[in-house]
Amino acid sequence: MKLETKQKTLIEQSVSIKSLNIKNYLLIKRIADIGMSLFVLFFSLPLMAILAVLIKLESKGPIFYTQTRVGKNGKLFNVYKLRTMYTGTEAEGGGARTLERDPRITRIGNLIRKSSFDEFPQFINILKGEMSYIGPRPLSLEEHNLLLEGFKNDEKSIPRGVFHKVTPGLTGWTLLHKREQITYKNRFMLNAQYEDNISLGFDLKIFYLTFKKYMFTNLCVIGLFLAALSTGVYFLIF
């Protein structure tokens, strides 16, 4: 009886420690998200101003594009992106998913997408707490509903990784596995894999691999930022 009581106590202590570790992890992650969002949004303003002008010069329509996404525990939110498509063409072509050489995408939009600059406004979502820098990529409401309808018609259970148990992210484990080229099955499997193994160590690994994979993009961001900053300083002085 005493042995059973001791085992029960050890299990309760283990659960308590795990719960405390997760709380500490979430707190540290939120602080990091706020700090990074403020830094990126402030220093990317000159770059965003240049891209805004180029977007407006090439095609009519708003500078920013908003889309309803499905977040943590099915909560809906509007994600912000720089517009990269011609206005009114969202439902054409590949619909919810973009195609290679998609005719809906503008010339400057194609450049923006390749450099991932269109994702920068999502740091507003991160600052608001709707997203995190690292986490599973949120599906659009349209894509999400189509998938649920498909599971229902095929009489299949909804796989883990469709509904997010954690805050969705700008980058993540799925993105590093070419999210636009993998099947939905593998995408959901990677989402579940991340959610089952959340930790600062795993996030740091994803952060490093993301920087390594998109190093050229990061260098472009730094270069364009310095160019925009230099231009601004020049006009202020002269």
C-alpha atoms as a PDB file:
ATOM      1  CA  MET A   1       0.000   0.000   0.000  1.00  0.00           C
ATOM      2  CA  LYS A   2       2.824   2.333   0.882  1.00  0.00           C
ATOM      3  CA  LEU A   3       4.559   1.482  -2.421  1.00  0.00           C
ATOM      4  CA  GLU A   4       1.430   2.375  -4.393  1.00  0.00           C
ATOM      5  CA  THR A   5       1.125   5.670  -2.502  1.00  0.00           C
ATOM      6  CA  LYS A   6       4.764   6.476  -3.221  1.00  0.00           C
ATOM      7  CA  GLN A   7       4.353   5.709  -6.933  1.00  0.00           C
ATOM      8  CA  LYS A   8       1.222   7.889  -7.069  1.00  0.00           C
ATOM      9  CA  THR A   9       3.119  10.753  -5.414  1.00  0.00           C
ATOM     10  CA  LEU A  10       6.003  10.439  -7.881  1.00  0.00           C
ATOM     11  CA  ILE A  11       3.584  10.503 -10.826  1.00  0.00           C
ATOM     12  CA  GLU A  12       1.833  13.598  -9.465  1.00  0.00           C
ATOM     13  CA  GLN A  13       5.192  15.324  -8.935  1.00  0.00           C
ATOM     14  CA  SER A  14       6.250  14.445 -12.498  1.00  0.00           C
ATOM     15  CA  VAL A  15       3.012  15.869 -13.929  1.00  0.00           C
ATOM     16  CA  SER A  16       3.419  19.008 -11.809  1.00  0.00           C
ATOM     17  CA  ILE A  17       7.000  19.550 -13.002  1.00  0.00           C
ATOM     18  CA  LYS A  18       5.985  19.010 -16.640  1.00  0.00           C
ATOM     19  CA  SER A  19       3.107  21.484 -16.279  1.00  0.00           C
ATOM     20  CA  LEU A  20       5.460  24.057 -14.714  1.00  0.00           C
ATOM     21  CA  ASN A  21       8.020  23.547 -17.502  1.00  0.00           C
ATOM     22  CA  ILE A  22       5.340  24.117 -20.160  1.00  0.00           C
ATOM     23  CA  LYS A  23       4.150  27.299 -18.408  1.00  0.00           C
ATOM     24  CA  ASN A  24       7.731  28.611 -18.251  1.00  0.00           C
ATOM     25  CA  TYR A  25       8.261  27.656 -21.896  1.00  0.00           C
ATOM     26  CA  LEU A  26       5.094  29.495 -23.001  1.00  0.00           C
ATOM     27  CA  LEU A  27       6.050  32.588 -20.985  1.00  0.00           C
ATOM     28  CA  ILE A  28       9.574  32.724 -22.436  1.00  0.00           C
ATOM     29  CA  LYS A  29       8.218  32.131 -25.932  1.00  0.00           C
ATOM     30  CA  ARG A  30       5.655  34.928 -25.600  1.00  0.00           C
ATOM     31  CA  ILE A  31       8.292  37.397 -24.388  1.00  0.00           C
ATOM     32  CA  ALA A  32      10.535  36.410 -27.321  1.00  0.00           C
ATOM     33  CA  ASP A  33       7.617  36.820 -29.765  1.00  0.00           C
ATOM     34  CA  ILE A  34       6.822  40.336 -28.490  1.00  0.00           C
ATOM     35  CA  GLY A  35      10.468  41.418 -28.594  1.00  0.00           C
ATOM     36  CA  MET A  36      11.038  40.047 -32.101  1.00  0.00           C
ATOM     37  CA  SER A  37       7.769  41.538 -33.416  1.00  0.00           C
ATOM     38  CA  LEU A  38       8.590  45.037 -32.153  1.00  0.00           C
ATOM     39  CA  PHE A  39      12.112  44.809 -33.559  1.00  0.00           C
ATOM     40  CA  VAL A  40      11.061  43.540 -37.009  1.00  0.00           C
ATOM     41  CA  LEU A  41       8.072  45.884 -37.401  1.00  0.00           C
ATOM     42  CA  PHE A  42      10.144  48.944 -36.453  1.00  0.00           C
ATOM     43  CA  PHE A  43      13.169  48.216 -38.617  1.00  0.00           C
ATOM     44  CA  SER A  44      11.236  46.894 -41.628  1.00  0.00           C
ATOM     45  CA  LEU A  45       9.168  50.075 -42.037  1.00  0.00           C
ATOM     46  CA  PRO A  46      11.463  51.561 -44.745  1.00  0.00           C
ATOM     47  CA  LEU A  47      11.393  48.275 -46.676  1.00  0.00           C
ATOM     48  CA  MET A  48       7.611  47.950 -46.339  1.00  0.00           C
ATOM     49  CA  ALA A  49       7.208  51.525 -47.632  1.00  0.00           C
ATOM     50  CA  ILE A  50       9.230  50.707 -50.769  1.00  0.00           C
ATOM     51  CA  LEU A  51       7.293  47.493 -51.409  1.00  0.00           C
ATOM     52  CA  ALA A  52       3.970  49.304 -50.853  1.00  0.00           C
ATOM     53  CA  VAL A  53       4.831  51.799 -53.605  1.00  0.00           C
ATOM     54  CA  LEU A  54       5.856  48.998 -56.013  1.00  0.00           C
ATOM     55  CA  ILE A  55       2.644  47.053 -55.315  1.00  0.00           C
ATOM     56  CA  LYS A  56       0.473  50.102 -56.022  1.00  0.00           C
ATOM     57  CA  LEU A  57       2.421  51.015 -59.177  1.00  0.00           C
ATOM     58  CA  GLU A  58       1.976  47.585 -60.751  1.00  0.00           C
ATOM     59  CA  SER A  59      -1.705  46.845 -60.061  1.00  0.00           C
ATOM     60  CA  LYS A  60      -4.847  48.335 -58.601  1.00  0.00           C
ATOM     61  CA  GLY A  61      -5.991  47.267 -55.177  1.00  0.00           C
ATOM     62  CA  PRO A  62      -5.021  47.439 -51.499  1.00  0.00           C
ATOM     63  CA  ILE A  63      -1.432  47.090 -50.302  1.00  0.00           C
ATOM     64  CA  PHE A  64      -2.336  44.555 -47.646  1.00  0.00           C
ATOM     65  CA  TYR A  65      -4.256  41.322 -48.032  1.00  0.00           C
ATOM     66  CA  THR A  66      -6.246  39.835 -45.156  1.00  0.00           C
ATOM     67  CA  GLN A  67      -7.464  36.264 -44.915  1.00  0.00           C
ATOM     68  CA  THR A  68      -9.397  34.376 -42.242  1.00  0.00           C
ATOM     69  CA  ARG A  69      -7.280  31.616 -40.711  1.00  0.00           C
ATOM     70  CA  VAL A  70      -8.014  28.905 -38.142  1.00  0.00           C
ATOM     71  CA  GLY A  71      -5.887  29.343 -35.025  1.00  0.00           C
ATOM     72  CA  LYS A  72      -5.413  27.604 -31.688  1.00  0.00           C
ATOM     73  CA  ASN A  73      -8.388  25.446 -30.668  1.00  0.00           C
ATOM     74  CA  GLY A  74     -10.262  26.460 -33.831  1.00  0.00           C
ATOM     75  CA  LYS A  75     -10.348  30.184 -33.016  1.00  0.00           C
ATOM     76  CA  LEU A  76     -10.630  32.350 -36.148  1.00  0.00           C
ATOM     77  CA  PHE A  77      -8.447  35.388 -36.823  1.00  0.00           C
ATOM     78  CA  ASN A  78      -7.459  37.588 -39.768  1.00  0.00           C
ATOM     79  CA  VAL A  79      -3.906  37.153 -40.991  1.00  0.00           C
ATOM     80  CA  TYR A  80      -2.103  40.125 -42.604  1.00  0.00           C
ATOM     81  CA  LYS A  81       0.086  39.849 -45.698  1.00  0.00           C
ATOM     82  CA  LEU A  82       1.377  42.099 -48.456  1.00  0.00           C
ATOM     83  CA  ARG A  83      -0.809  41.673 -51.529  1.00  0.00           C
ATOM     84  CA  THR A  84       0.958  39.593 -54.188  1.00  0.00           C
ATOM     85  CA  MET A  85      -1.991  38.760 -56.477  1.00  0.00           C
ATOM     86  CA  TYR A  86      -4.180  40.753 -58.820  1.00  0.00           C
ATOM     87  CA  THR A  87      -7.323  41.870 -56.978  1.00  0.00           C
ATOM     88  CA  GLY A  88     -10.359  39.622 -57.397  1.00  0.00           C
ATOM     89  CA  THR A  89      -8.474  36.551 -58.639  1.00  0.00           C
ATOM     90  CA  GLU A  90      -8.206  34.641 -55.331  1.00  0.00           C
ATOM     91  CA  ALA A  91     -10.823  32.044 -56.319  1.00  0.00           C
ATOM     92  CA  GLU A  92      -9.249  31.367 -59.746  1.00  0.00           C
ATOM     93  CA  GLY A  93      -6.370  29.043 -60.653  1.00  0.00           C
ATOM     94  CA  GLY A  94      -5.412  26.888 -57.680  1.00  0.00           C
ATOM     95  CA  GLY A  95      -8.001  28.468 -55.404  1.00  0.00           C
ATOM     96  CA  ALA A  96      -6.927  28.046 -51.776  1.00  0.00           C
ATOM     97  CA  ARG A  97      -3.466  26.829 -52.786  1.00  0.00           C
ATOM     98  CA  THR A  98      -1.071  28.616 -55.140  1.00  0.00           C
ATOM     99  CA  LEU A  99       0.357  26.895 -58.188  1.00  0.00           C
ATOM    100  CA  GLU A 100       3.823  27.028 -59.683  1.00  0.00           C
ATOM    101  CA  ARG A 101       3.907  30.010 -62.089  1.00  0.00           C
ATOM    102  CA  ASP A 102       0.457  30.998 -60.878  1.00  0.00           C
ATOM    103  CA  PRO A 103      -0.962  33.618 -63.321  1.00  0.00           C
ATOM    104  CA  ARG A 104      -2.777  35.358 -60.457  1.00  0.00           C
ATOM    105  CA  ILE A 105       0.523  36.517 -58.963  1.00  0.00           C
ATOM    106  CA  THR A 106       1.903  39.905 -60.075  1.00  0.00           C
ATOM    107  CA  ARG A 107       5.539  40.379 -61.107  1.00  0.00           C
ATOM    108  CA  ILE A 108       6.473  42.252 -57.941  1.00  0.00           C
ATOM    109  CA  GLY A 109       4.302  39.767 -56.045  1.00  0.00           C
ATOM    110  CA  ASN A 110       6.357  36.886 -57.381  1.00  0.00           C
ATOM    111  CA  LEU A 111       9.551  38.564 -56.158  1.00  0.00           C
ATOM    112  CA  ILE A 112       7.971  39.328 -52.786  1.00  0.00           C
ATOM    113  CA  ARG A 113       6.837  35.711 -52.369  1.00  0.00           C
ATOM    114  CA  LYS A 114      10.237  34.267 -53.268  1.00  0.00           C
ATOM    115  CA  SER A 115      11.882  36.464 -50.651  1.00  0.00           C
ATOM    116  CA  SER A 116       9.048  35.844 -48.107  1.00  0.00           C
ATOM    117  CA  PHE A 117       8.619  39.620 -47.652  1.00  0.00           C
ATOM    118  CA  ASP A 118       4.837  39.166 -47.952  1.00  0.00           C
ATOM    119  CA  GLU A 119       4.881  37.452 -44.545  1.00  0.00           C
ATOM    120  CA  PHE A 120       6.323  40.456 -42.675  1.00  0.00           C
ATOM    121  CA  PRO A 121       2.935  42.009 -41.732  1.00  0.00           C
ATOM    122  CA  GLN A 122       2.162  38.797 -39.842  1.00  0.00           C
ATOM    123  CA  PHE A 123       4.428  40.094 -37.084  1.00  0.00           C
ATOM    124  CA  ILE A 124       1.366  42.230 -36.247  1.00  0.00           C
ATOM    125  CA  ASN A 125      -0.522  38.956 -35.667  1.00  0.00           C
ATOM    126  CA  ILE A 126       2.367  37.731 -33.523  1.00  0.00           C
ATOM    127  CA  LEU A 127       2.360  40.943 -31.492  1.00  0.00           C
ATOM    128  CA  LYS A 128      -1.398  40.541 -30.922  1.00  0.00           C
ATOM    129  CA  GLY A 129      -0.872  36.972 -29.700  1.00  0.00           C
ATOM    130  CA  GLU A 130      -2.871  35.385 -32.537  1.00  0.00           C
ATOM    131  CA  MET A 131       0.299  33.769 -33.871  1.00  0.00           C
ATOM    132  CA  SER A 132       3.784  32.896 -32.677  1.00  0.00           C
ATOM    133  CA  TYR A 133       7.037  33.084 -34.634  1.00  0.00           C
ATOM    134  CA  ILE A 134       7.333  29.289 -34.440  1.00  0.00           C
ATOM    135  CA  GLY A 135       4.372  26.914 -34.673  1.00  0.00           C
ATOM    136  CA  PRO A 136       2.186  25.001 -37.159  1.00  0.00           C
ATOM    137  CA  ARG A 137       1.087  27.040 -40.169  1.00  0.00           C
ATOM    138  CA  PRO A 138      -2.613  27.965 -39.860  1.00  0.00           C
ATOM    139  CA  LEU A 139      -4.959  26.876 -42.639  1.00  0.00           C
ATOM    140  CA  SER A 140      -7.288  29.360 -44.307  1.00  0.00           C
ATOM    141  CA  LEU A 141     -10.926  28.956 -43.259  1.00  0.00           C
ATOM    142  CA  GLU A 142     -11.837  27.962 -46.824  1.00  0.00           C
ATOM    143  CA  GLU A 143      -9.147  25.282 -47.007  1.00  0.00           C
ATOM    144  CA  HIS A 144      -9.985  24.069 -43.492  1.00  0.00           C
ATOM    145  CA  ASN A 145     -13.707  23.669 -44.286  1.00  0.00           C
ATOM    146  CA  LEU A 146     -12.984  21.853 -47.558  1.00  0.00           C
ATOM    147  CA  LEU A 147     -10.786  19.358 -45.717  1.00  0.00           C
ATOM    148  CA  LEU A 148     -13.383  18.749 -42.994  1.00  0.00           C
ATOM    149  CA  GLU A 149     -16.038  18.224 -45.669  1.00  0.00           C
ATOM    150  CA  GLY A 150     -13.742  15.723 -47.398  1.00  0.00           C
ATOM    151  CA  PHE A 151     -13.167  13.753 -44.196  1.00  0.00           C
ATOM    152  CA  LYS A 152     -16.921  13.697 -43.582  1.00  0.00           C
ATOM    153  CA  ASN A 153     -17.764  12.519 -47.108  1.00  0.00           C
ATOM    154  CA  ASP A 154     -15.107   9.801 -46.960  1.00  0.00           C
ATOM    155  CA  GLU A 155     -16.307   8.836 -43.473  1.00  0.00           C
ATOM    156  CA  LYS A 156     -12.813   9.296 -42.082  1.00  0.00           C
ATOM    157  CA  SER A 157     -11.901  10.576 -38.632  1.00  0.00           C
ATOM    158  CA  ILE A 158     -10.240  13.999 -38.437  1.00  0.00           C
ATOM    159  CA  PRO A 159      -6.467  13.398 -38.105  1.00  0.00           C
ATOM    160  CA  ARG A 160      -4.374  14.996 -35.385  1.00  0.00           C
ATOM    161  CA  GLY A 161      -2.689  18.192 -36.540  1.00  0.00           C
ATOM    162  CA  VAL A 162      -5.750  19.665 -38.276  1.00  0.00           C
ATOM    163  CA  PHE A 163      -6.936  21.533 -35.191  1.00  0.00           C
ATOM    164  CA  HIS A 164      -3.989  23.227 -33.488  1.00  0.00           C
ATOM    165  CA  LYS A 165      -3.411  22.640 -29.774  1.00  0.00           C
ATOM    166  CA  VAL A 166      -0.735  25.354 -29.783  1.00  0.00           C
ATOM    167  CA  THR A 167      -0.553  28.877 -31.216  1.00  0.00           C
ATOM    168  CA  PRO A 168       0.089  28.702 -34.990  1.00  0.00           C
ATOM    169  CA  GLY A 169       3.330  30.153 -36.313  1.00  0.00           C
ATOM    170  CA  LEU A 170       4.975  32.160 -39.061  1.00  0.00           C
ATOM    171  CA  THR A 171       7.579  29.448 -39.505  1.00  0.00           C
ATOM    172  CA  GLY A 172       7.701  25.945 -38.143  1.00  0.00           C
ATOM    173  CA  TRP A 173       8.475  22.268 -38.509  1.00  0.00           C
ATOM    174  CA  THR A 174       6.165  21.887 -41.530  1.00  0.00           C
ATOM    175  CA  LEU A 175       7.646  24.862 -43.386  1.00  0.00           C
ATOM    176  CA  LEU A 176      11.086  23.264 -43.210  1.00  0.00           C
ATOM    177  CA  HIS A 177       9.667  20.223 -45.019  1.00  0.00           C
ATOM    178  CA  LYS A 178       8.444  22.189 -48.065  1.00  0.00           C
ATOM    179  CA  ARG A 179       4.867  22.704 -46.843  1.00  0.00           C
ATOM    180  CA  GLU A 180       3.574  23.683 -50.320  1.00  0.00           C
ATOM    181  CA  GLN A 181       4.845  20.419 -51.840  1.00  0.00           C
ATOM    182  CA  ILE A 182       3.944  17.817 -49.217  1.00  0.00           C
ATOM    183  CA  THR A 183       0.621  16.023 -48.852  1.00  0.00           C
ATOM    184  CA  TYR A 184      -1.961  17.105 -46.293  1.00  0.00           C
ATOM    185  CA  LYS A 185      -1.417  13.792 -44.496  1.00  0.00           C
ATOM    186  CA  ASN A 186       2.279  14.505 -43.967  1.00  0.00           C
ATOM    187  CA  ARG A 187       1.559  18.125 -43.095  1.00  0.00           C
ATOM    188  CA  PHE A 188      -0.805  17.131 -40.298  1.00  0.00           C
ATOM    189  CA  MET A 189       1.636  14.463 -39.113  1.00  0.00           C
ATOM    190  CA  LEU A 190       4.394  17.093 -38.808  1.00  0.00           C
ATOM    191  CA  ASN A 191       2.010  19.445 -36.979  1.00  0.00           C
ATOM    192  CA  ALA A 192       1.193  16.719 -34.461  1.00  0.00           C
ATOM    193  CA  GLN A 193       4.885  15.871 -34.142  1.00  0.00           C
ATOM    194  CA  TYR A 194       5.677  19.462 -33.217  1.00  0.00           C
ATOM    195  CA  GLU A 195       2.791  19.732 -30.746  1.00  0.00           C
ATOM    196  CA  ASP A 196       3.876  16.514 -29.008  1.00  0.00           C
ATOM    197  CA  ASN A 197       7.442  17.747 -28.577  1.00  0.00           C
ATOM    198  CA  ILE A 198       7.125  21.471 -27.798  1.00  0.00           C
ATOM    199  CA  SER A 199      10.185  22.785 -25.973  1.00  0.00           C
ATOM    200  CA  LEU A 200      12.655  25.666 -26.145  1.00  0.00           C
ATOM    201  CA  GLY A 201      15.245  23.276 -27.538  1.00  0.00           C
ATOM    202  CA  PHE A 202      12.961  22.225 -30.410  1.00  0.00           C
ATOM    203  CA  ASP A 203      12.047  25.858 -31.140  1.00  0.00           C
ATOM    204  CA  LEU A 204      15.721  26.877 -31.205  1.00  0.00           C
ATOM    205  CA  LYS A 205      16.413  24.047 -33.651  1.00  0.00           C
ATOM    206  CA  ILE A 206      13.598  25.253 -35.932  1.00  0.00           C
ATOM    207  CA  PHE A 207      14.824  28.864 -35.607  1.00  0.00           C
ATOM    208  CA  TYR A 208      18.357  27.842 -36.647  1.00  0.00           C
ATOM    209  CA  LEU A 209      17.177  25.667 -39.562  1.00  0.00           C
ATOM    210  CA  THR A 210      14.838  28.434 -40.784  1.00  0.00           C
ATOM    211  CA  PHE A 211      17.648  30.994 -40.764  1.00  0.00           C
ATOM    212  CA  LYS A 212      19.965  28.533 -42.511  1.00  0.00           C
ATOM    213  CA  LYS A 213      17.391  27.653 -45.181  1.00  0.00           C
ATOM    214  CA  TYR A 214      16.428  31.278 -45.859  1.00  0.00           C
ATOM    215  CA  MET A 215      19.841  32.835 -45.304  1.00  0.00           C
ATOM    216  CA  PHE A 216      19.744  34.524 -48.716  1.00  0.00           C
ATOM    217  CA  THR A 217      16.370  36.050 -47.871  1.00  0.00           C
ATOM    218  CA  ASN A 218      17.646  37.266 -44.518  1.00  0.00           C
ATOM    219  CA  LEU A 219      20.695  38.871 -46.143  1.00  0.00           C
ATOM    220  CA  CYS A 220      18.403  40.555 -48.699  1.00  0.00           C
ATOM    221  CA  VAL A 221      16.256  41.909 -45.874  1.00  0.00           C
ATOM    222  CA  ILE A 222      19.310  43.326 -44.119  1.00  0.00           C
ATOM    223  CA  GLY A 223      20.661  44.804 -47.385  1.00  0.00           C
ATOM    224  CA  LEU A 224      17.382  46.428 -48.415  1.00  0.00           C
ATOM    225  CA  PHE A 225      16.837  47.737 -44.901  1.00  0.00           C
ATOM    226  CA  LEU A 226      20.282  49.376 -44.864  1.00  0.00           C
ATOM    227  CA  ALA A 227      19.663  50.829 -48.334  1.00  0.00           C
ATOM    228  CA  ALA A 228      16.295  52.272 -47.263  1.00  0.00           C
ATOM    229  CA  LEU A 229      17.775  53.593 -44.033  1.00  0.00           C
ATOM    230  CA  SER A 230      20.672  55.232 -45.880  1.00  0.00           C
ATOM    231  CA  THR A 231      18.249  56.873 -48.308  1.00  0.00           C
ATOM    232  CA  GLY A 232      16.170  58.221 -45.430  1.00  0.00           C
ATOM    233  CA  VAL A 233      19.227  59.599 -43.620  1.00  0.00           C
ATOM    234  CA  TYR A 234      20.452  61.222 -46.870  1.00  0.00           C
ATOM    235  CA  PHE A 235      17.174  63.116 -47.383  1.00  0.00           C
ATOM    236  CA  LEU A 236      17.077  64.171 -43.725  1.00  0.00           C
ATOM    237  CA  ILE A 237      20.605  65.618 -43.913  1.00  0.00           C
ATOM    238  CA  PHE A 238      20.509  67.127 -47.374  1.00  0.00           C
END
